[in-house]
Amino acid sequence: MKLVLDVDGTLLEYDKYAAFNFGEPKPGIHKWLIQQVEAGHEIILFTTRCDIERDALEQRMRRYLNP
């Protein structure tokens, strides 16, 4: 199954927009994401950030999921 997840305010803490300022992961989200990946689900990140920020965010999330 494909899981489409919003980033700011859902996976990561979010107060207000600031370029290249990504919040910390919400409590428990790392374990939940790993469980979803191990169950065979495809994680698709959704964000309205610009392309350059989206690329940086994707790299950060990949490091987070694959330390």
N, C-alpha and C. Protein backbone atom coordinates (compact mmCIF):
# COMPACT_ATOMS: atom_id res chain seq x y z
N MET A 1 0.84 -1.17 0.00
CA MET A 1 0.00 0.00 0.00
C MET A 1 0.90 1.24 0.00
N LYS A 2 0.44 2.27 -0.67
CA LYS A 2 1.14 3.55 -0.67
C LYS A 2 0.55 4.43 0.42
N LEU A 3 1.44 4.97 1.25
CA LEU A 3 1.01 5.89 2.31
C LEU A 3 1.53 7.28 1.96
N VAL A 4 0.62 8.20 1.71
CA VAL A 4 0.98 9.59 1.39
C VAL A 4 0.85 10.39 2.67
N LEU A 5 2.00 10.92 3.13
CA LEU A 5 2.04 11.59 4.43
C LEU A 5 2.52 13.02 4.29
N ASP A 6 1.79 13.92 4.90
CA ASP A 6 2.21 15.32 4.97
C ASP A 6 3.39 15.40 5.92
N VAL A 7 4.28 16.32 5.69
CA VAL A 7 5.49 16.44 6.50
C VAL A 7 5.31 17.44 7.63
N ASP A 8 5.17 18.72 7.29
CA ASP A 8 5.08 19.77 8.31
C ASP A 8 3.81 19.65 9.12
N GLY A 9 3.98 19.41 10.41
CA GLY A 9 2.84 19.31 11.31
C GLY A 9 2.28 17.91 11.44
N THR A 10 2.72 16.98 10.62
CA THR A 10 2.27 15.59 10.71
C THR A 10 3.42 14.69 11.13
N LEU A 11 4.45 14.62 10.30
CA LEU A 11 5.64 13.84 10.65
C LEU A 11 6.60 14.65 11.50
N LEU A 12 6.69 15.93 11.19
CA LEU A 12 7.62 16.82 11.89
C LEU A 12 6.85 17.92 12.61
N GLU A 13 7.40 18.35 13.75
CA GLU A 13 6.81 19.48 14.46
C GLU A 13 6.82 20.70 13.53
N TYR A 14 5.83 21.55 13.66
CA TYR A 14 5.73 22.71 12.78
C TYR A 14 5.07 23.86 13.52
N ASP A 15 5.74 25.00 13.54
CA ASP A 15 5.19 26.19 14.20
C ASP A 15 4.81 27.22 13.15
N LYS A 16 5.81 27.57 12.31
CA LYS A 16 5.57 28.50 11.22
C LYS A 16 6.62 28.26 10.15
N TYR A 17 6.34 28.70 8.97
CA TYR A 17 7.24 28.46 7.85
C TYR A 17 8.52 29.28 7.99
N ALA A 18 9.63 28.61 7.73
CA ALA A 18 10.93 29.25 7.59
C ALA A 18 11.71 28.39 6.60
N ALA A 19 12.26 28.99 5.58
CA ALA A 19 12.97 28.24 4.55
C ALA A 19 14.05 27.35 5.17
N PHE A 20 14.09 26.12 4.72
CA PHE A 20 15.07 25.12 5.15
C PHE A 20 15.09 24.90 6.66
N ASN A 21 14.01 25.25 7.33
CA ASN A 21 13.90 25.00 8.76
C ASN A 21 12.85 23.91 8.94
N PHE A 22 13.33 22.70 9.17
CA PHE A 22 12.44 21.56 9.34
C PHE A 22 12.36 21.22 10.82
N GLY A 23 11.17 20.99 11.31
CA GLY A 23 11.00 20.67 12.73
C GLY A 23 11.56 19.31 13.08
N GLU A 24 11.56 19.04 14.36
CA GLU A 24 12.00 17.73 14.85
C GLU A 24 10.89 16.71 14.61
N PRO A 25 11.26 15.44 14.46
CA PRO A 25 10.24 14.41 14.29
C PRO A 25 9.30 14.36 15.49
N LYS A 26 8.04 14.13 15.21
CA LYS A 26 7.05 14.02 16.28
C LYS A 26 7.33 12.73 17.07
N PRO A 27 6.99 12.73 18.36
CA PRO A 27 7.22 11.54 19.19
C PRO A 27 6.57 10.29 18.62
N GLY A 28 7.34 9.21 18.56
CA GLY A 28 6.82 7.93 18.10
C GLY A 28 6.80 7.74 16.60
N ILE A 29 7.06 8.80 15.84
CA ILE A 29 6.92 8.69 14.39
C ILE A 29 7.98 7.81 13.76
N HIS A 30 9.20 7.82 14.32
CA HIS A 30 10.27 6.99 13.76
C HIS A 30 9.88 5.52 13.82
N LYS A 31 9.45 5.06 14.97
CA LYS A 31 9.05 3.66 15.13
C LYS A 31 7.90 3.32 14.18
N TRP A 32 6.92 4.19 14.10
CA TRP A 32 5.76 3.94 13.24
C TRP A 32 6.17 3.87 11.77
N LEU A 33 7.04 4.79 11.31
CA LEU A 33 7.49 4.77 9.92
C LEU A 33 8.26 3.49 9.61
N ILE A 34 9.16 3.09 10.51
CA ILE A 34 9.92 1.86 10.31
C ILE A 34 8.97 0.67 10.21
N GLN A 35 7.96 0.61 11.06
CA GLN A 35 6.98 -0.47 11.01
C GLN A 35 6.27 -0.51 9.66
N GLN A 36 5.93 0.65 9.14
CA GLN A 36 5.23 0.71 7.86
C GLN A 36 6.13 0.22 6.72
N VAL A 37 7.38 0.64 6.74
CA VAL A 37 8.33 0.21 5.71
C VAL A 37 8.55 -1.29 5.80
N GLU A 38 8.74 -1.80 7.01
CA GLU A 38 8.96 -3.24 7.20
C GLU A 38 7.74 -4.05 6.79
N ALA A 39 6.55 -3.47 6.88
CA ALA A 39 5.32 -4.14 6.47
C ALA A 39 5.15 -4.11 4.95
N GLY A 40 6.09 -3.44 4.26
CA GLY A 40 6.05 -3.41 2.80
C GLY A 40 5.34 -2.21 2.20
N HIS A 41 4.96 -1.26 3.03
CA HIS A 41 4.28 -0.07 2.51
C HIS A 41 5.28 0.91 1.90
N GLU A 42 4.85 1.60 0.88
CA GLU A 42 5.66 2.64 0.25
C GLU A 42 5.29 3.98 0.88
N ILE A 43 6.29 4.69 1.37
CA ILE A 43 6.06 5.99 2.00
C ILE A 43 6.27 7.08 0.95
N ILE A 44 5.26 7.91 0.76
CA ILE A 44 5.33 9.04 -0.15
C ILE A 44 5.15 10.29 0.68
N LEU A 45 6.14 11.19 0.61
CA LEU A 45 6.08 12.42 1.37
C LEU A 45 5.36 13.50 0.58
N PHE A 46 4.48 14.23 1.25
CA PHE A 46 3.75 15.33 0.64
C PHE A 46 4.15 16.62 1.33
N THR A 47 4.48 17.63 0.54
CA THR A 47 4.78 18.95 1.09
C THR A 47 4.50 19.99 0.02
N THR A 48 4.21 21.18 0.47
CA THR A 48 4.01 22.29 -0.47
C THR A 48 5.26 23.15 -0.58
N ARG A 49 6.35 22.69 0.01
CA ARG A 49 7.61 23.44 -0.07
C ARG A 49 8.15 23.41 -1.50
N CYS A 50 9.01 24.38 -1.82
CA CYS A 50 9.58 24.47 -3.17
C CYS A 50 10.50 23.27 -3.45
N ASP A 51 10.87 23.11 -4.72
CA ASP A 51 11.67 21.95 -5.13
C ASP A 51 12.97 21.81 -4.35
N ILE A 52 13.70 22.90 -4.16
CA ILE A 52 14.99 22.83 -3.48
C ILE A 52 14.79 22.38 -2.02
N GLU A 53 13.80 22.94 -1.36
CA GLU A 53 13.53 22.53 0.02
C GLU A 53 13.03 21.08 0.06
N ARG A 54 12.23 20.71 -0.90
CA ARG A 54 11.70 19.35 -0.95
C ARG A 54 12.84 18.34 -1.07
N ASP A 55 13.83 18.64 -1.91
CA ASP A 55 14.99 17.75 -2.05
C ASP A 55 15.75 17.64 -0.73
N ALA A 56 15.98 18.76 -0.05
CA ALA A 56 16.68 18.74 1.23
C ALA A 56 15.88 17.97 2.28
N LEU A 57 14.58 18.14 2.26
CA LEU A 57 13.71 17.44 3.20
C LEU A 57 13.74 15.94 2.94
N GLU A 58 13.69 15.55 1.68
CA GLU A 58 13.74 14.13 1.34
C GLU A 58 15.05 13.50 1.81
N GLN A 59 16.16 14.19 1.62
CA GLN A 59 17.45 13.68 2.08
C GLN A 59 17.44 13.52 3.60
N ARG A 60 16.89 14.50 4.30
CA ARG A 60 16.84 14.42 5.76
C ARG A 60 16.00 13.22 6.19
N MET A 61 14.85 13.02 5.57
CA MET A 61 13.99 11.91 5.96
C MET A 61 14.64 10.56 5.64
N ARG A 62 15.36 10.48 4.54
CA ARG A 62 16.07 9.24 4.21
C ARG A 62 17.13 8.93 5.27
N ARG A 63 17.87 9.94 5.73
CA ARG A 63 18.86 9.74 6.79
C ARG A 63 18.17 9.32 8.08
N TYR A 64 17.02 9.89 8.32
CA TYR A 64 16.26 9.57 9.53
C TYR A 64 15.79 8.12 9.54
N LEU A 65 15.36 7.64 8.37
CA LEU A 65 14.86 6.27 8.28
C LEU A 65 15.97 5.25 8.12
N ASN A 66 17.13 5.67 7.63
CA ASN A 66 18.26 4.77 7.41
C ASN A 66 19.52 5.33 8.07
N PRO A 67 19.55 5.31 9.42
CA PRO A 67 20.70 5.92 10.11
C PRO A 67 22.01 5.20 9.82
